[in-house]
C-alpha atoms as a PDB file:
ATOM      1  CA  MET A   1      16.211   5.571  -0.546  1.00  0.00           C
ATOM      2  CA  SER A   2      13.632   4.536  -2.970  1.00  0.00           C
ATOM      3  CA  GLY A   3      13.746   0.535  -3.333  1.00  0.00           C
ATOM      4  CA  THR A   4      17.389   1.110  -4.021  1.00  0.00           C
ATOM      5  CA  PRO A   5      19.398  -2.076  -3.303  1.00  0.00           C
ATOM      6  CA  LEU A   6      21.801  -1.713  -0.572  1.00  0.00           C
ATOM      7  CA  SER A   7      25.534  -2.314  -1.454  1.00  0.00           C
ATOM      8  CA  PRO A   8      27.935  -4.378   0.751  1.00  0.00           C
ATOM      9  CA  GLY A   9      29.707  -2.331   3.045  1.00  0.00           C
ATOM     10  CA  GLY A  10      27.610   0.578   2.485  1.00  0.00           C
ATOM     11  CA  PRO A  11      25.448   2.711   4.834  1.00  0.00           C
ATOM     12  CA  ARG A  12      22.420   0.945   6.259  1.00  0.00           C
ATOM     13  CA  PRO A  13      19.065   2.811   5.850  1.00  0.00           C
ATOM     14  CA  ARG A  14      17.840   4.400   9.135  1.00  0.00           C
ATOM     15  CA  PRO A  15      14.404   2.804  10.347  1.00  0.00           C
ATOM     16  CA  GLU A  16      12.511   6.229  10.244  1.00  0.00           C
ATOM     17  CA  ASP A  17      13.319   6.423   6.528  1.00  0.00           C
ATOM     18  CA  LEU A  18      12.243   2.963   5.674  1.00  0.00           C
ATOM     19  CA  ARG A  19       9.064   3.561   8.001  1.00  0.00           C
ATOM     20  CA  ASP A  20       8.461   7.165   5.310  1.00  0.00           C
ATOM     21  CA  GLU A  21       8.878   5.203   2.578  1.00  0.00           C
ATOM     22  CA  VAL A  22       6.538   2.709   3.520  1.00  0.00           C
ATOM     23  CA  ALA A  23       4.039   5.019   4.510  1.00  0.00           C
ATOM     24  CA  GLN A  24       4.565   6.882   1.282  1.00  0.00           C
ATOM     25  CA  LEU A  25       4.119   3.381  -0.955  1.00  0.00           C
ATOM     26  CA  ARG A  26       1.032   2.806   1.265  1.00  0.00           C
ATOM     27  CA  GLU A  27      -0.602   6.202   0.311  1.00  0.00           C
ATOM     28  CA  ALA A  28       0.196   5.394  -3.174  1.00  0.00           C
ATOM     29  CA  MET A  29      -1.315   2.500  -3.413  1.00  0.00           C
ATOM     30  CA  GLN A  30      -4.622   3.682  -1.812  1.00  0.00           C
ATOM     31  CA  SER A  31      -4.344   6.549  -4.228  1.00  0.00           C
ATOM     32  CA  GLN A  32      -3.979   4.445  -7.109  1.00  0.00           C
ATOM     33  CA  ARG A  33      -6.818   2.184  -6.074  1.00  0.00           C
ATOM     34  CA  ASP A  34      -9.193   5.158  -5.301  1.00  0.00           C
ATOM     35  CA  ILE A  35      -8.358   6.498  -8.695  1.00  0.00           C
ATOM     36  CA  GLY A  36      -9.285   3.002 -10.522  1.00  0.00           C
ATOM     37  CA  MET A  37     -12.623   2.621  -9.044  1.00  0.00           C
ATOM     38  CA  ALA A  38     -13.523   6.491  -9.442  1.00  0.00           C
ATOM     39  CA  VAL A  39     -12.767   6.133 -13.022  1.00  0.00           C
ATOM     40  CA  GLY A  40     -14.938   2.848 -13.145  1.00  0.00           C
ATOM     41  CA  LEU A  41     -17.519   4.313 -11.192  1.00  0.00           C
ATOM     42  CA  LEU A  42     -17.891   7.540 -13.824  1.00  0.00           C
ATOM     43  CA  SER A  43     -17.907   4.968 -16.758  1.00  0.00           C
ATOM     44  CA  ALA A  44     -20.644   2.764 -15.450  1.00  0.00           C
ATOM     45  CA  ARG A  45     -22.603   6.319 -13.764  1.00  0.00           C
ATOM     46  CA  PHE A  46     -22.465   8.369 -17.230  1.00  0.00           C
ATOM     47  CA  GLY A  47     -21.607   5.322 -19.982  1.00  0.00           C
ATOM     48  CA  LEU A  48     -18.366   7.211 -20.566  1.00  0.00           C
ATOM     49  CA  SER A  49     -15.369   5.325 -22.193  1.00  0.00           C
ATOM     50  CA  THR A  50     -12.412   4.884 -19.477  1.00  0.00           C
ATOM     51  CA  ALA A  51     -10.461   7.817 -21.218  1.00  0.00           C
ATOM     52  CA  GLN A  52     -13.309   9.933 -21.337  1.00  0.00           C
ATOM     53  CA  ALA A  53     -13.748   9.160 -17.370  1.00  0.00           C
ATOM     54  CA  TRP A  54      -9.820   9.839 -16.696  1.00  0.00           C
ATOM     55  CA  ARG A  55     -10.534  13.216 -18.685  1.00  0.00           C
ATOM     56  CA  THR A  56     -13.574  14.242 -16.905  1.00  0.00           C
ATOM     57  CA  MET A  57     -11.419  13.538 -13.775  1.00  0.00           C
ATOM     58  CA  LEU A  58      -8.596  15.596 -15.033  1.00  0.00           C
ATOM     59  CA  ARG A  59     -10.943  18.591 -15.928  1.00  0.00           C
ATOM     60  CA  ILE A  60     -12.500  18.575 -12.661  1.00  0.00           C
ATOM     61  CA  SER A  61      -8.970  18.420 -10.931  1.00  0.00           C
ATOM     62  CA  GLN A  62      -7.675  21.118 -12.667  1.00  0.00           C
ATOM     63  CA  ASP A  63     -11.242  23.513 -12.622  1.00  0.00           C
ATOM     64  CA  SER A  64     -11.185  22.975  -9.142  1.00  0.00           C
ATOM     65  CA  ASN A  65      -7.600  22.988  -8.373  1.00  0.00           C
ATOM     66  CA  THR A  66      -7.675  20.042  -6.537  1.00  0.00           C
ATOM     67  CA  LYS A  67      -5.261  16.778  -6.483  1.00  0.00           C
ATOM     68  CA  ILE A  68      -6.888  13.895  -8.789  1.00  0.00           C
ATOM     69  CA  ARG A  69      -6.490  11.645  -5.955  1.00  0.00           C
ATOM     70  CA  THR A  70      -8.674  13.811  -3.964  1.00  0.00           C
ATOM     71  CA  VAL A  71     -10.894  13.816  -6.586  1.00  0.00           C
ATOM     72  CA  ALA A  72     -10.895  10.180  -6.829  1.00  0.00           C
ATOM     73  CA  ARG A  73     -11.144   9.669  -3.109  1.00  0.00           C
ATOM     74  CA  VAL A  74     -14.324  11.915  -2.796  1.00  0.00           C
ATOM     75  CA  LEU A  75     -16.229  10.158  -5.538  1.00  0.00           C
ATOM     76  CA  VAL A  76     -15.455   6.862  -3.924  1.00  0.00           C
ATOM     77  CA  VAL A  77     -16.346   7.658  -0.283  1.00  0.00           C
ATOM     78  CA  THR A  78     -19.512   9.354  -1.828  1.00  0.00           C
ATOM     79  CA  HIS A  79     -20.634   6.355  -3.658  1.00  0.00           C
ATOM     80  CA  ASP A  80     -19.908   4.288  -0.743  1.00  0.00           C
ATOM     81  CA  GLY A  81     -21.878   6.197   1.612  1.00  0.00           C
ATOM     82  CA  THR A  82     -18.819   6.718   3.684  1.00  0.00           C
ATOM     83  CA  ALA A  83     -18.467  10.542   2.654  1.00  0.00           C
ATOM     84  CA  ASP A  84     -18.169  13.352   5.807  1.00  0.00           C
ATOM     85  CA  PRO A  85     -19.389  16.748   5.513  1.00  0.00           C
ATOM     86  CA  ASP A  86     -16.250  17.985   4.017  1.00  0.00           C
ATOM     87  CA  ASP A  87     -16.142  15.275   1.310  1.00  0.00           C
ATOM     88  CA  LEU A  88     -19.777  16.340   0.322  1.00  0.00           C
ATOM     89  CA  ALA A  89     -18.587  20.072   0.191  1.00  0.00           C
ATOM     90  CA  GLU A  90     -15.923  18.857  -2.026  1.00  0.00           C
ATOM     91  CA  LEU A  91     -18.536  17.230  -4.506  1.00  0.00           C
ATOM     92  CA  ALA A  92     -20.341  19.985  -4.729  1.00  0.00           C
ATOM     93  CA  ARG A  93     -17.581  21.954  -5.839  1.00  0.00           C
ATOM     94  CA  PHE A  94     -17.221  19.137  -8.500  1.00  0.00           C
ATOM     95  CA  GLU A  95     -20.868  18.968  -9.886  1.00  0.00           C
ATOM     96  CA  ALA A  96     -20.471  21.636 -12.451  1.00  0.00           C
ATOM     97  CA  GLN A  97     -18.044  19.533 -14.052  1.00  0.00           C
ATOM     98  CA  LEU A  98     -19.956  15.973 -14.095  1.00  0.00           C
ATOM     99  CA  PRO A  99     -22.294  15.026 -16.822  1.00  0.00           C
ATOM    100  CA  ALA A 100     -25.704  16.880 -16.494  1.00  0.00           C
ATOM    101  CA  SER A 101     -27.369  13.810 -14.547  1.00  0.00           C
ATOM    102  CA  GLY A 102     -24.959  14.611 -11.671  1.00  0.00           C
ATOM    103  CA  TRP A 103     -23.511  12.316  -8.907  1.00  0.00           C
ATOM    104  CA  PRO A 104     -25.915  10.852  -6.235  1.00  0.00           C
ATOM    105  CA  SER A 105     -25.019  11.760  -2.505  1.00  0.00           C
ATOM    106  CA  ALA A 106     -25.142   8.052  -1.469  1.00  0.00           C
ATOM    107  CA  PRO A 107     -26.238   4.896  -3.202  1.00  0.00           C
ATOM    108  CA  GLY A 108     -29.655   4.187  -3.045  1.00  0.00           C
ATOM    109  CA  THR A 109     -30.414   7.438  -1.418  1.00  0.00           C
ATOM    110  CA  ARG A 110     -33.409   9.795  -2.570  1.00  0.00           C
ATOM    111  CA  GLU A 111     -31.022  12.154  -4.085  1.00  0.00           C
ATOM    112  CA  ASP A 112     -29.737   9.908  -6.394  1.00  0.00           C
ATOM    113  CA  PRO A 113     -31.356  11.342  -9.784  1.00  0.00           C
ATOM    114  CA  VAL A 114     -31.078   8.187 -11.475  1.00  0.00           C
ATOM    115  CA  SER A 115     -32.777   5.808  -9.060  1.00  0.00           C
END
C-alpha cells in the first residue's frame, strides 16, 4: 500500500489495509508533533539550541531504552499537566539525563524548581 498509486486494472486495495495505513499515518503525525514540541520545551526550559535539545532527547531515549516518541510524549503531557501515573514514572527514569535543574511535574506547581 504505502500511498502507491493504483494502476488501471490493477488490484484494488482492501478497506482494512487502507484503514491501517491511515491509522499509521495519524500516529506518525502525532509523534512528529510531540517530538517537535518536546524539542521546543527542552530548548526553552534549559536554554538549549534545537540541536542540543534533540541530542538530549536521543540520549534519554538510548539510556532508558525508550522510543524517542515516548520520551517526547511524556515530556509534553507532563508539561501540559495531563500526565498519568505511568507517565510520571517514566519521567522519573528520564530525570537523571536532564540538565541539573530537572523537569517540573506540571506547569505552575510547587514541584517546578524554576518557578
